[in-house]
Amino acid sequence: MAEVKLMQLAQDLEQLGVEVLFFGRKPAGPALEGFLEKQREVVRTADKIGRELAGEIRFNPARLMGIEYSLDDEIDSITDLLAGLEDIKHCATNSVQDLPAKTRRFAKLLEGHLLEGTMP
């Protein structure tokens, strides 16, 4: 169930990345308020994903008995995902033109992480 929620949040983040860029290209005025709100939504969604990922990091002895994955690989993968989220949050406030590509890349990275079945 957590995997479905993570993918939905990643899709939301990807959509928000496009919307921030769209609002950022409009002239000032009412569009500025929309732009600022979309920036905040990107950061909030990235934080939600971070919390979901942190919730997935837990010790599960039953899984370790079968040695279905390498714990080092799991930690490295989640670390990469968390670093990607921090990069997205930075882009949301500093370089919105890069945001759609970064959110798309993050969604693909998360999907690959989930498909590999490395989540405990």
PDB file of N, CA and C in Angstrom:
ATOM      1  N   MET A   1       0.811  -1.192   0.000  1.00  0.00           N
ATOM      2  CA  MET A   1       0.000   0.000   0.000  1.00  0.00           C
ATOM      3  C   MET A   1       0.860   1.265   0.000  1.00  0.00           C
ATOM      4  N   ALA A   2       1.963   1.239   0.723  1.00  0.00           N
ATOM      5  CA  ALA A   2       2.849   2.397   0.766  1.00  0.00           C
ATOM      6  C   ALA A   2       3.434   2.677  -0.617  1.00  0.00           C
ATOM      7  N   GLU A   3       3.650   1.630  -1.394  1.00  0.00           N
ATOM      8  CA  GLU A   3       4.212   1.813  -2.733  1.00  0.00           C
ATOM      9  C   GLU A   3       3.254   2.595  -3.617  1.00  0.00           C
ATOM     10  N   VAL A   4       1.961   2.293  -3.516  1.00  0.00           N
ATOM     11  CA  VAL A   4       0.956   3.007  -4.310  1.00  0.00           C
ATOM     12  C   VAL A   4       0.922   4.470  -3.896  1.00  0.00           C
ATOM     13  N   LYS A   5       0.954   4.721  -2.606  1.00  0.00           N
ATOM     14  CA  LYS A   5       0.936   6.102  -2.112  1.00  0.00           C
ATOM     15  C   LYS A   5       2.176   6.861  -2.571  1.00  0.00           C
ATOM     16  N   LEU A   6       3.335   6.206  -2.511  1.00  0.00           N
ATOM     17  CA  LEU A   6       4.565   6.852  -2.965  1.00  0.00           C
ATOM     18  C   LEU A   6       4.501   7.199  -4.448  1.00  0.00           C
ATOM     19  N   MET A   7       4.005   6.286  -5.261  1.00  0.00           N
ATOM     20  CA  MET A   7       3.915   6.559  -6.689  1.00  0.00           C
ATOM     21  C   MET A   7       2.910   7.678  -6.969  1.00  0.00           C
ATOM     22  N   GLN A   8       1.802   7.712  -6.236  1.00  0.00           N
ATOM     23  CA  GLN A   8       0.827   8.786  -6.417  1.00  0.00           C
ATOM     24  C   GLN A   8       1.441  10.137  -6.041  1.00  0.00           C
ATOM     25  N   LEU A   9       2.172  10.165  -4.940  1.00  0.00           N
ATOM     26  CA  LEU A   9       2.836  11.404  -4.534  1.00  0.00           C
ATOM     27  C   LEU A   9       3.884  11.824  -5.565  1.00  0.00           C
ATOM     28  N   ALA A  10       4.607  10.862  -6.124  1.00  0.00           N
ATOM     29  CA  ALA A  10       5.606  11.173  -7.150  1.00  0.00           C
ATOM     30  C   ALA A  10       4.937  11.744  -8.393  1.00  0.00           C
ATOM     31  N   GLN A  11       3.789  11.208  -8.767  1.00  0.00           N
ATOM     32  CA  GLN A  11       3.053  11.739  -9.914  1.00  0.00           C
ATOM     33  C   GLN A  11       2.543  13.146  -9.618  1.00  0.00           C
ATOM     34  N   ASP A  12       2.067  13.359  -8.395  1.00  0.00           N
ATOM     35  CA  ASP A  12       1.636  14.701  -7.995  1.00  0.00           C
ATOM     36  C   ASP A  12       2.803  15.679  -8.075  1.00  0.00           C
ATOM     37  N   LEU A  13       3.947  15.250  -7.607  1.00  0.00           N
ATOM     38  CA  LEU A  13       5.137  16.099  -7.631  1.00  0.00           C
ATOM     39  C   LEU A  13       5.534  16.440  -9.066  1.00  0.00           C
ATOM     40  N   GLU A  14       5.462  15.458  -9.937  1.00  0.00           N
ATOM     41  CA  GLU A  14       5.799  15.684 -11.334  1.00  0.00           C
ATOM     42  C   GLU A  14       4.837  16.708 -11.959  1.00  0.00           C
ATOM     43  N   GLN A  15       3.552  16.574 -11.671  1.00  0.00           N
ATOM     44  CA  GLN A  15       2.548  17.514 -12.184  1.00  0.00           C
ATOM     45  C   GLN A  15       2.793  18.923 -11.627  1.00  0.00           C
ATOM     46  N   LEU A  16       3.099  18.997 -10.348  1.00  0.00           N
ATOM     47  CA  LEU A  16       3.371  20.302  -9.742  1.00  0.00           C
ATOM     48  C   LEU A  16       4.598  20.959 -10.359  1.00  0.00           C
ATOM     49  N   GLY A  17       5.592  20.160 -10.714  1.00  0.00           N
ATOM     50  CA  GLY A  17       6.781  20.706 -11.357  1.00  0.00           C
ATOM     51  C   GLY A  17       6.449  21.421 -12.651  1.00  0.00           C
ATOM     52  N   VAL A  18       5.553  20.839 -13.412  1.00  0.00           N
ATOM     53  CA  VAL A  18       5.119  21.459 -14.667  1.00  0.00           C
ATOM     54  C   VAL A  18       4.295  22.715 -14.376  1.00  0.00           C
ATOM     55  N   GLU A  19       3.418  22.646 -13.389  1.00  0.00           N
ATOM     56  CA  GLU A  19       2.565  23.782 -13.053  1.00  0.00           C
ATOM     57  C   GLU A  19       3.378  24.968 -12.543  1.00  0.00           C
ATOM     58  N   VAL A  20       4.405  24.708 -11.761  1.00  0.00           N
ATOM     59  CA  VAL A  20       5.251  25.803 -11.264  1.00  0.00           C
ATOM     60  C   VAL A  20       5.896  26.522 -12.440  1.00  0.00           C
ATOM     61  N   LEU A  21       6.407  25.761 -13.378  1.00  0.00           N
ATOM     62  CA  LEU A  21       7.030  26.372 -14.551  1.00  0.00           C
ATOM     63  C   LEU A  21       6.002  27.172 -15.340  1.00  0.00           C
ATOM     64  N   PHE A  22       4.803  26.634 -15.504  1.00  0.00           N
ATOM     65  CA  PHE A  22       3.735  27.326 -16.228  1.00  0.00           C
ATOM     66  C   PHE A  22       3.396  28.651 -15.554  1.00  0.00           C
ATOM     67  N   PHE A  23       3.161  28.640 -14.247  1.00  0.00           N
ATOM     68  CA  PHE A  23       2.819  29.863 -13.529  1.00  0.00           C
ATOM     69  C   PHE A  23       4.001  30.834 -13.499  1.00  0.00           C
ATOM     70  N   GLY A  24       5.206  30.304 -13.491  1.00  0.00           N
ATOM     71  CA  GLY A  24       6.390  31.156 -13.454  1.00  0.00           C
ATOM     72  C   GLY A  24       6.603  31.941 -14.730  1.00  0.00           C
ATOM     73  N   ARG A  25       6.038  31.483 -15.825  1.00  0.00           N
ATOM     74  CA  ARG A  25       6.197  32.160 -17.119  1.00  0.00           C
ATOM     75  C   ARG A  25       5.164  33.252 -17.344  1.00  0.00           C
ATOM     76  N   LYS A  26       4.149  33.318 -16.495  1.00  0.00           N
ATOM     77  CA  LYS A  26       3.099  34.319 -16.654  1.00  0.00           C
ATOM     78  C   LYS A  26       3.555  35.633 -16.025  1.00  0.00           C
ATOM     79  N   PRO A  27       2.992  36.735 -16.514  1.00  0.00           N
ATOM     80  CA  PRO A  27       3.361  38.023 -15.915  1.00  0.00           C
ATOM     81  C   PRO A  27       2.873  38.117 -14.466  1.00  0.00           C
ATOM     82  N   ALA A  28       3.412  39.068 -13.774  1.00  0.00           N
ATOM     83  CA  ALA A  28       3.063  39.261 -12.360  1.00  0.00           C
ATOM     84  C   ALA A  28       1.575  39.559 -12.218  1.00  0.00           C
ATOM     85  N   GLY A  29       1.114  39.566 -11.009  1.00  0.00           N
ATOM     86  CA  GLY A  29      -0.299  39.798 -10.729  1.00  0.00           C
ATOM     87  C   GLY A  29      -0.888  38.578 -10.073  1.00  0.00           C
ATOM     88  N   PRO A  30      -2.102  38.197 -10.470  1.00  0.00           N
ATOM     89  CA  PRO A  30      -2.739  37.016  -9.864  1.00  0.00           C
ATOM     90  C   PRO A  30      -1.940  35.731 -10.096  1.00  0.00           C
ATOM     91  N   ALA A  31      -1.231  35.665 -11.218  1.00  0.00           N
ATOM     92  CA  ALA A  31      -0.433  34.473 -11.512  1.00  0.00           C
ATOM     93  C   ALA A  31       0.702  34.319 -10.506  1.00  0.00           C
ATOM     94  N   LEU A  32       1.183  35.436  -9.955  1.00  0.00           N
ATOM     95  CA  LEU A  32       2.257  35.368  -8.970  1.00  0.00           C
ATOM     96  C   LEU A  32       1.804  34.625  -7.724  1.00  0.00           C
ATOM     97  N   GLU A  33       0.588  34.857  -7.291  1.00  0.00           N
ATOM     98  CA  GLU A  33       0.062  34.136  -6.127  1.00  0.00           C
ATOM     99  C   GLU A  33      -0.026  32.642  -6.413  1.00  0.00           C
ATOM    100  N   GLY A  34      -0.484  32.297  -7.616  1.00  0.00           N
ATOM    101  CA  GLY A  34      -0.559  30.892  -8.018  1.00  0.00           C
ATOM    102  C   GLY A  34       0.815  30.263  -8.079  1.00  0.00           C
ATOM    103  N   PHE A  35       1.773  31.019  -8.575  1.00  0.00           N
ATOM    104  CA  PHE A  35       3.153  30.544  -8.671  1.00  0.00           C
ATOM    105  C   PHE A  35       3.718  30.243  -7.282  1.00  0.00           C
ATOM    106  N   LEU A  36       3.531  31.179  -6.362  1.00  0.00           N
ATOM    107  CA  LEU A  36       4.057  30.999  -5.013  1.00  0.00           C
ATOM    108  C   LEU A  36       3.388  29.825  -4.309  1.00  0.00           C
ATOM    109  N   GLU A  37       2.080  29.660  -4.528  1.00  0.00           N
ATOM    110  CA  GLU A  37       1.367  28.535  -3.914  1.00  0.00           C
ATOM    111  C   GLU A  37       1.865  27.212  -4.490  1.00  0.00           C
ATOM    112  N   LYS A  38       2.101  27.163  -5.795  1.00  0.00           N
ATOM    113  CA  LYS A  38       2.607  25.932  -6.413  1.00  0.00           C
ATOM    114  C   LYS A  38       4.003  25.601  -5.891  1.00  0.00           C
ATOM    115  N   GLN A  39       4.820  26.617  -5.672  1.00  0.00           N
ATOM    116  CA  GLN A  39       6.149  26.383  -5.086  1.00  0.00           C
ATOM    117  C   GLN A  39       6.011  25.736  -3.717  1.00  0.00           C
ATOM    118  N   ARG A  40       5.103  26.270  -2.902  1.00  0.00           N
ATOM    119  CA  ARG A  40       4.893  25.703  -1.564  1.00  0.00           C
ATOM    120  C   ARG A  40       4.357  24.273  -1.650  1.00  0.00           C
ATOM    121  N   GLU A  41       3.489  24.007  -2.621  1.00  0.00           N
ATOM    122  CA  GLU A  41       2.951  22.663  -2.792  1.00  0.00           C
ATOM    123  C   GLU A  41       4.048  21.670  -3.186  1.00  0.00           C
ATOM    124  N   VAL A  42       4.996  22.101  -4.004  1.00  0.00           N
ATOM    125  CA  VAL A  42       6.117  21.234  -4.372  1.00  0.00           C
ATOM    126  C   VAL A  42       6.889  20.836  -3.125  1.00  0.00           C
ATOM    127  N   VAL A  43       7.194  21.811  -2.286  1.00  0.00           N
ATOM    128  CA  VAL A  43       7.949  21.540  -1.062  1.00  0.00           C
ATOM    129  C   VAL A  43       7.149  20.636  -0.122  1.00  0.00           C
ATOM    130  N   ARG A  44       5.850  20.909   0.036  1.00  0.00           N
ATOM    131  CA  ARG A  44       5.018  20.064   0.904  1.00  0.00           C
ATOM    132  C   ARG A  44       4.940  18.629   0.385  1.00  0.00           C
ATOM    133  N   THR A  45       4.782  18.470  -0.921  1.00  0.00           N
ATOM    134  CA  THR A  45       4.692  17.129  -1.496  1.00  0.00           C
ATOM    135  C   THR A  45       6.024  16.404  -1.358  1.00  0.00           C
ATOM    136  N   ALA A  46       7.119  17.104  -1.576  1.00  0.00           N
ATOM    137  CA  ALA A  46       8.439  16.492  -1.400  1.00  0.00           C
ATOM    138  C   ALA A  46       8.633  16.058   0.054  1.00  0.00           C
ATOM    139  N   ASP A  47       8.169  16.866   0.989  1.00  0.00           N
ATOM    140  CA  ASP A  47       8.256  16.491   2.407  1.00  0.00           C
ATOM    141  C   ASP A  47       7.416  15.250   2.711  1.00  0.00           C
ATOM    142  N   LYS A  48       6.223  15.163   2.103  1.00  0.00           N
ATOM    143  CA  LYS A  48       5.381  13.978   2.302  1.00  0.00           C
ATOM    144  C   LYS A  48       6.087  12.722   1.792  1.00  0.00           C
ATOM    145  N   ILE A  49       6.697  12.830   0.625  1.00  0.00           N
ATOM    146  CA  ILE A  49       7.422  11.682   0.068  1.00  0.00           C
ATOM    147  C   ILE A  49       8.569  11.309   0.993  1.00  0.00           C
ATOM    148  N   GLY A  50       9.278  12.306   1.494  1.00  0.00           N
ATOM    149  CA  GLY A  50      10.376  12.048   2.423  1.00  0.00           C
ATOM    150  C   GLY A  50       9.912  11.319   3.666  1.00  0.00           C
ATOM    151  N   ARG A  51       8.762  11.713   4.192  1.00  0.00           N
ATOM    152  CA  ARG A  51       8.222  11.027   5.370  1.00  0.00           C
ATOM    153  C   ARG A  51       7.826   9.590   5.046  1.00  0.00           C
ATOM    154  N   GLU A  52       7.246   9.376   3.874  1.00  0.00           N
ATOM    155  CA  GLU A  52       6.881   8.015   3.462  1.00  0.00           C
ATOM    156  C   GLU A  52       8.124   7.141   3.323  1.00  0.00           C
ATOM    157  N   LEU A  53       9.168   7.690   2.722  1.00  0.00           N
ATOM    158  CA  LEU A  53      10.407   6.929   2.570  1.00  0.00           C
ATOM    159  C   LEU A  53      11.025   6.623   3.928  1.00  0.00           C
ATOM    160  N   ALA A  54      11.011   7.605   4.811  1.00  0.00           N
ATOM    161  CA  ALA A  54      11.555   7.385   6.152  1.00  0.00           C
ATOM    162  C   ALA A  54      10.763   6.312   6.880  1.00  0.00           C
ATOM    163  N   GLY A  55       9.458   6.269   6.645  1.00  0.00           N
ATOM    164  CA  GLY A  55       8.623   5.245   7.267  1.00  0.00           C
ATOM    165  C   GLY A  55       8.927   3.851   6.747  1.00  0.00           C
ATOM    166  N   GLU A  56       9.472   3.773   5.546  1.00  0.00           N
ATOM    167  CA  GLU A  56       9.803   2.478   4.957  1.00  0.00           C
ATOM    168  C   GLU A  56      11.126   1.927   5.490  1.00  0.00           C
ATOM    169  N   ILE A  57      11.926   2.788   6.102  1.00  0.00           N
ATOM    170  CA  ILE A  57      13.203   2.338   6.633  1.00  0.00           C
ATOM    171  C   ILE A  57      12.954   1.794   8.030  1.00  0.00           C
ATOM    172  N   ARG A  58      12.828   0.536   8.099  1.00  0.00           N
ATOM    173  CA  ARG A  58      12.634  -0.092   9.408  1.00  0.00           C
ATOM    174  C   ARG A  58      13.249  -1.489   9.360  1.00  0.00           C
ATOM    175  N   PHE A  59      13.610  -1.957  10.484  1.00  0.00           N
ATOM    176  CA  PHE A  59      14.244  -3.269  10.583  1.00  0.00           C
ATOM    177  C   PHE A  59      13.166  -4.333  10.559  1.00  0.00           C
ATOM    178  N   ASN A  60      13.271  -5.240   9.617  1.00  0.00           N
ATOM    179  CA  ASN A  60      12.303  -6.313   9.475  1.00  0.00           C
ATOM    180  C   ASN A  60      13.073  -7.631   9.434  1.00  0.00           C
ATOM    181  N   PRO A  61      13.263  -8.291  10.579  1.00  0.00           N
ATOM    182  CA  PRO A  61      14.078  -9.503  10.616  1.00  0.00           C
ATOM    183  C   PRO A  61      13.563 -10.616   9.704  1.00  0.00           C
ATOM    184  N   ALA A  62      12.264 -10.695   9.512  1.00  0.00           N
ATOM    185  CA  ALA A  62      11.726 -11.758   8.649  1.00  0.00           C
ATOM    186  C   ALA A  62      12.253 -11.604   7.225  1.00  0.00           C
ATOM    187  N   ARG A  63      12.339 -10.378   6.720  1.00  0.00           N
ATOM    188  CA  ARG A  63      12.857 -10.150   5.374  1.00  0.00           C
ATOM    189  C   ARG A  63      14.358 -10.431   5.316  1.00  0.00           C
ATOM    190  N   LEU A  64      15.059 -10.085   6.383  1.00  0.00           N
ATOM    191  CA  LEU A  64      16.502 -10.292   6.382  1.00  0.00           C
ATOM    192  C   LEU A  64      16.867 -11.770   6.383  1.00  0.00           C
ATOM    193  N   MET A  65      16.006 -12.594   6.962  1.00  0.00           N
ATOM    194  CA  MET A  65      16.287 -14.033   7.002  1.00  0.00           C
ATOM    195  C   MET A  65      16.375 -14.608   5.599  1.00  0.00           C
ATOM    196  N   GLY A  66      15.540 -14.117   4.692  1.00  0.00           N
ATOM    197  CA  GLY A  66      15.549 -14.609   3.322  1.00  0.00           C
ATOM    198  C   GLY A  66      16.588 -13.921   2.466  1.00  0.00           C
ATOM    199  N   ILE A  67      17.212 -12.893   2.984  1.00  0.00           N
ATOM    200  CA  ILE A  67      18.208 -12.100   2.276  1.00  0.00           C
ATOM    201  C   ILE A  67      17.725 -11.795   0.855  1.00  0.00           C
ATOM    202  N   GLU A  68      16.576 -11.137   0.784  1.00  0.00           N
ATOM    203  CA  GLU A  68      15.984 -10.796  -0.501  1.00  0.00           C
ATOM    204  C   GLU A  68      16.631  -9.558  -1.130  1.00  0.00           C
ATOM    205  N   TYR A  69      17.360  -8.809  -0.353  1.00  0.00           N
ATOM    206  CA  TYR A  69      17.999  -7.617  -0.882  1.00  0.00           C
ATOM    207  C   TYR A  69      19.200  -7.291  -0.015  1.00  0.00           C
ATOM    208  N   SER A  70      20.054  -6.457  -0.553  1.00  0.00           N
ATOM    209  CA  SER A  70      21.216  -6.005   0.201  1.00  0.00           C
ATOM    210  C   SER A  70      20.825  -4.767   1.000  1.00  0.00           C
ATOM    211  N   LEU A  71      21.067  -4.799   2.283  1.00  0.00           N
ATOM    212  CA  LEU A  71      20.738  -3.659   3.129  1.00  0.00           C
ATOM    213  C   LEU A  71      21.521  -2.420   2.700  1.00  0.00           C
ATOM    214  N   ASP A  72      22.768  -2.591   2.301  1.00  0.00           N
ATOM    215  CA  ASP A  72      23.564  -1.457   1.820  1.00  0.00           C
ATOM    216  C   ASP A  72      22.940  -0.839   0.573  1.00  0.00           C
ATOM    217  N   ASP A  73      22.477  -1.694  -0.342  1.00  0.00           N
ATOM    218  CA  ASP A  73      21.828  -1.196  -1.553  1.00  0.00           C
ATOM    219  C   ASP A  73      20.557  -0.438  -1.222  1.00  0.00           C
ATOM    220  N   GLU A  74      19.799  -0.949  -0.266  1.00  0.00           N
ATOM    221  CA  GLU A  74      18.564  -0.303   0.148  1.00  0.00           C
ATOM    222  C   GLU A  74      18.846   1.084   0.720  1.00  0.00           C
ATOM    223  N   ILE A  75      19.831   1.164   1.590  1.00  0.00           N
ATOM    224  CA  ILE A  75      20.180   2.443   2.205  1.00  0.00           C
ATOM    225  C   ILE A  75      20.688   3.418   1.152  1.00  0.00           C
ATOM    226  N   ASP A  76      21.525   2.934   0.229  1.00  0.00           N
ATOM    227  CA  ASP A  76      22.025   3.797  -0.844  1.00  0.00           C
ATOM    228  C   ASP A  76      20.886   4.309  -1.724  1.00  0.00           C
ATOM    229  N   SER A  77      19.951   3.431  -2.040  1.00  0.00           N
ATOM    230  CA  SER A  77      18.828   3.807  -2.894  1.00  0.00           C
ATOM    231  C   SER A  77      17.959   4.868  -2.221  1.00  0.00           C
ATOM    232  N   ILE A  78      17.640   4.665  -0.969  1.00  0.00           N
ATOM    233  CA  ILE A  78      16.803   5.636  -0.260  1.00  0.00           C
ATOM    234  C   ILE A  78      17.560   6.949  -0.064  1.00  0.00           C
ATOM    235  N   THR A  79      18.854   6.873   0.163  1.00  0.00           N
ATOM    236  CA  THR A  79      19.660   8.087   0.284  1.00  0.00           C
ATOM    237  C   THR A  79      19.625   8.876  -1.014  1.00  0.00           C
ATOM    238  N   ASP A  80      19.737   8.188  -2.158  1.00  0.00           N
ATOM    239  CA  ASP A  80      19.646   8.861  -3.456  1.00  0.00           C
ATOM    240  C   ASP A  80      18.282   9.524  -3.641  1.00  0.00           C
ATOM    241  N   LEU A  81      17.229   8.824  -3.228  1.00  0.00           N
ATOM    242  CA  LEU A  81      15.884   9.388  -3.343  1.00  0.00           C
ATOM    243  C   LEU A  81      15.729  10.629  -2.467  1.00  0.00           C
ATOM    244  N   LEU A  82      16.222  10.560  -1.243  1.00  0.00           N
ATOM    245  CA  LEU A  82      16.117  11.715  -0.344  1.00  0.00           C
ATOM    246  C   LEU A  82      16.944  12.890  -0.860  1.00  0.00           C
ATOM    247  N   ALA A  83      18.103  12.617  -1.436  1.00  0.00           N
ATOM    248  CA  ALA A  83      18.919  13.689  -2.026  1.00  0.00           C
ATOM    249  C   ALA A  83      18.189  14.310  -3.210  1.00  0.00           C
ATOM    250  N   GLY A  84      17.511  13.487  -3.999  1.00  0.00           N
ATOM    251  CA  GLY A  84      16.734  13.993  -5.121  1.00  0.00           C
ATOM    252  C   GLY A  84      15.609  14.907  -4.657  1.00  0.00           C
ATOM    253  N   LEU A  85      14.977  14.548  -3.548  1.00  0.00           N
ATOM    254  CA  LEU A  85      13.922  15.393  -2.995  1.00  0.00           C
ATOM    255  C   LEU A  85      14.459  16.747  -2.547  1.00  0.00           C
ATOM    256  N   GLU A  86      15.612  16.731  -1.911  1.00  0.00           N
ATOM    257  CA  GLU A  86      16.221  18.002  -1.482  1.00  0.00           C
ATOM    258  C   GLU A  86      16.559  18.873  -2.692  1.00  0.00           C
ATOM    259  N   ASP A  87      17.038  18.252  -3.758  1.00  0.00           N
ATOM    260  CA  ASP A  87      17.353  18.980  -4.990  1.00  0.00           C
ATOM    261  C   ASP A  87      16.076  19.587  -5.583  1.00  0.00           C
ATOM    262  N   ILE A  88      14.984  18.843  -5.555  1.00  0.00           N
ATOM    263  CA  ILE A  88      13.704  19.343  -6.068  1.00  0.00           C
ATOM    264  C   ILE A  88      13.221  20.524  -5.235  1.00  0.00           C
ATOM    265  N   LYS A  89      13.326  20.434  -3.927  1.00  0.00           N
ATOM    266  CA  LYS A  89      12.903  21.543  -3.072  1.00  0.00           C
ATOM    267  C   LYS A  89      13.747  22.785  -3.346  1.00  0.00           C
ATOM    268  N   HIS A  90      15.024  22.584  -3.574  1.00  0.00           N
ATOM    269  CA  HIS A  90      15.906  23.703  -3.905  1.00  0.00           C
ATOM    270  C   HIS A  90      15.498  24.341  -5.241  1.00  0.00           C
ATOM    271  N   CYS A  91      15.221  23.498  -6.230  1.00  0.00           N
ATOM    272  CA  CYS A  91      14.810  23.995  -7.541  1.00  0.00           C
ATOM    273  C   CYS A  91      13.477  24.737  -7.481  1.00  0.00           C
ATOM    274  N   ALA A  92      12.592  24.297  -6.610  1.00  0.00           N
ATOM    275  CA  ALA A  92      11.270  24.924  -6.505  1.00  0.00           C
ATOM    276  C   ALA A  92      11.383  26.388  -6.130  1.00  0.00           C
ATOM    277  N   THR A  93      12.434  26.752  -5.429  1.00  0.00           N
ATOM    278  CA  THR A  93      12.582  28.144  -5.010  1.00  0.00           C
ATOM    279  C   THR A  93      13.665  28.898  -5.768  1.00  0.00           C
ATOM    280  N   ASN A  94      14.581  28.170  -6.419  1.00  0.00           N
ATOM    281  CA  ASN A  94      15.713  28.859  -7.042  1.00  0.00           C
ATOM    282  C   ASN A  94      15.818  28.726  -8.562  1.00  0.00           C
ATOM    283  N   SER A  95      15.428  27.604  -9.117  1.00  0.00           N
ATOM    284  CA  SER A  95      15.579  27.417 -10.565  1.00  0.00           C
ATOM    285  C   SER A  95      14.420  26.582 -11.112  1.00  0.00           C
ATOM    286  N   VAL A  96      13.262  27.213 -11.197  1.00  0.00           N
ATOM    287  CA  VAL A  96      12.050  26.487 -11.586  1.00  0.00           C
ATOM    288  C   VAL A  96      12.120  25.922 -12.996  1.00  0.00           C
ATOM    289  N   GLN A  97      12.969  26.478 -13.850  1.00  0.00           N
ATOM    290  CA  GLN A  97      13.069  25.963 -15.214  1.00  0.00           C
ATOM    291  C   GLN A  97      13.592  24.527 -15.230  1.00  0.00           C
ATOM    292  N   ASP A  98      14.311  24.115 -14.197  1.00  0.00           N
ATOM    293  CA  ASP A  98      14.837  22.749 -14.112  1.00  0.00           C
ATOM    294  C   ASP A  98      13.873  21.784 -13.423  1.00  0.00           C
ATOM    295  N   LEU A  99      12.828  22.320 -12.819  1.00  0.00           N
ATOM    296  CA  LEU A  99      11.939  21.514 -11.992  1.00  0.00           C
ATOM    297  C   LEU A  99      11.227  20.385 -12.736  1.00  0.00           C
ATOM    298  N   PRO A 100      10.631  20.607 -13.912  1.00  0.00           N
ATOM    299  CA  PRO A 100       9.946  19.492 -14.584  1.00  0.00           C
ATOM    300  C   PRO A 100      10.873  18.306 -14.868  1.00  0.00           C
ATOM    301  N   ALA A 101      12.072  18.581 -15.326  1.00  0.00           N
ATOM    302  CA  ALA A 101      13.012  17.492 -15.622  1.00  0.00           C
ATOM    303  C   ALA A 101      13.425  16.764 -14.347  1.00  0.00           C
ATOM    304  N   LYS A 102      13.649  17.507 -13.288  1.00  0.00           N
ATOM    305  CA  LYS A 102      14.070  16.878 -12.030  1.00  0.00           C
ATOM    306  C   LYS A 102      12.944  16.052 -11.409  1.00  0.00           C
ATOM    307  N   THR A 103      11.711  16.550 -11.473  1.00  0.00           N
ATOM    308  CA  THR A 103      10.604  15.779 -10.905  1.00  0.00           C
ATOM    309  C   THR A 103      10.341  14.523 -11.736  1.00  0.00           C
ATOM    310  N   ARG A 104      10.485  14.636 -13.046  1.00  0.00           N
ATOM    311  CA  ARG A 104      10.306  13.465 -13.918  1.00  0.00           C
ATOM    312  C   ARG A 104      11.383  12.418 -13.621  1.00  0.00           C
ATOM    313  N   ARG A 105      12.620  12.881 -13.484  1.00  0.00           N
ATOM    314  CA  ARG A 105      13.732  11.979 -13.171  1.00  0.00           C
ATOM    315  C   ARG A 105      13.525  11.310 -11.811  1.00  0.00           C
ATOM    316  N   PHE A 106      13.039  12.078 -10.836  1.00  0.00           N
ATOM    317  CA  PHE A 106      12.790  11.519  -9.513  1.00  0.00           C
ATOM    318  C   PHE A 106      11.708  10.445  -9.576  1.00  0.00           C
ATOM    319  N   ALA A 107      10.626  10.707 -10.308  1.00  0.00           N
ATOM    320  CA  ALA A 107       9.539   9.732 -10.416  1.00  0.00           C
ATOM    321  C   ALA A 107      10.052   8.428 -11.023  1.00  0.00           C
ATOM    322  N   LYS A 108      10.913   8.533 -12.019  1.00  0.00           N
ATOM    323  CA  LYS A 108      11.480   7.328 -12.643  1.00  0.00           C
ATOM    324  C   LYS A 108      12.414   6.607 -11.680  1.00  0.00           C
ATOM    325  N   LEU A 109      13.187   7.363 -10.918  1.00  0.00           N
ATOM    326  CA  LEU A 109      14.087   6.770  -9.933  1.00  0.00           C
ATOM    327  C   LEU A 109      13.288   6.042  -8.853  1.00  0.00           C
ATOM    328  N   LEU A 110      12.214   6.657  -8.384  1.00  0.00           N
ATOM    329  CA  LEU A 110      11.361   6.031  -7.373  1.00  0.00           C
ATOM    330  C   LEU A 110      10.689   4.780  -7.932  1.00  0.00           C
ATOM    331  N   GLU A 111      10.207   4.865  -9.152  1.00  0.00           N
ATOM    332  CA  GLU A 111       9.575   3.703  -9.773  1.00  0.00           C
ATOM    333  C   GLU A 111      10.569   2.547  -9.892  1.00  0.00           C
ATOM    334  N   GLY A 112      11.792   2.848 -10.311  1.00  0.00           N
ATOM    335  CA  GLY A 112      12.816   1.827 -10.392  1.00  0.00           C
ATOM    336  C   GLY A 112      13.114   1.228  -9.033  1.00  0.00           C
ATOM    337  N   HIS A 113      13.155   2.058  -8.036  1.00  0.00           N
ATOM    338  CA  HIS A 113      13.411   1.608  -6.658  1.00  0.00           C
ATOM    339  C   HIS A 113      12.313   0.646  -6.219  1.00  0.00           C
ATOM    340  N   LEU A 114      11.074   0.993  -6.505  1.00  0.00           N
ATOM    341  CA  LEU A 114       9.953   0.155  -6.089  1.00  0.00           C
ATOM    342  C   LEU A 114       9.878  -1.136  -6.910  1.00  0.00           C
ATOM    343  N   LEU A 115      10.194  -1.055  -8.191  1.00  0.00           N
ATOM    344  CA  LEU A 115      10.146  -2.245  -9.041  1.00  0.00           C
ATOM    345  C   LEU A 115      11.230  -3.259  -8.683  1.00  0.00           C
ATOM    346  N   GLU A 116      12.361  -2.761  -8.216  1.00  0.00           N
ATOM    347  CA  GLU A 116      13.448  -3.656  -7.817  1.00  0.00           C
ATOM    348  C   GLU A 116      13.091  -4.431  -6.558  1.00  0.00           C
ATOM    349  N   GLY A 117      12.056  -3.960  -5.892  1.00  0.00           N
ATOM    350  CA  GLY A 117      11.615  -4.659  -4.690  1.00  0.00           C
ATOM    351  C   GLY A 117      12.566  -4.558  -3.521  1.00  0.00           C
ATOM    352  N   THR A 118      13.301  -3.472  -3.486  1.00  0.00           N
ATOM    353  CA  THR A 118      14.268  -3.327  -2.393  1.00  0.00           C
ATOM    354  C   THR A 118      13.648  -2.747  -1.146  1.00  0.00           C
ATOM    355  N   MET A 119      12.430  -2.253  -1.241  1.00  0.00           N
ATOM    356  CA  MET A 119      11.800  -1.705  -0.032  1.00  0.00           C
ATOM    357  C   MET A 119      11.506  -2.802   0.961  1.00  0.00           C
ATOM    358  N   PRO A 120      11.888  -2.620   2.199  1.00  0.00           N
ATOM    359  CA  PRO A 120      11.596  -3.622   3.207  1.00  0.00           C
ATOM    360  C   PRO A 120      10.113  -3.682   3.505  1.00  0.00           C
TER     361      PRO A 120
END
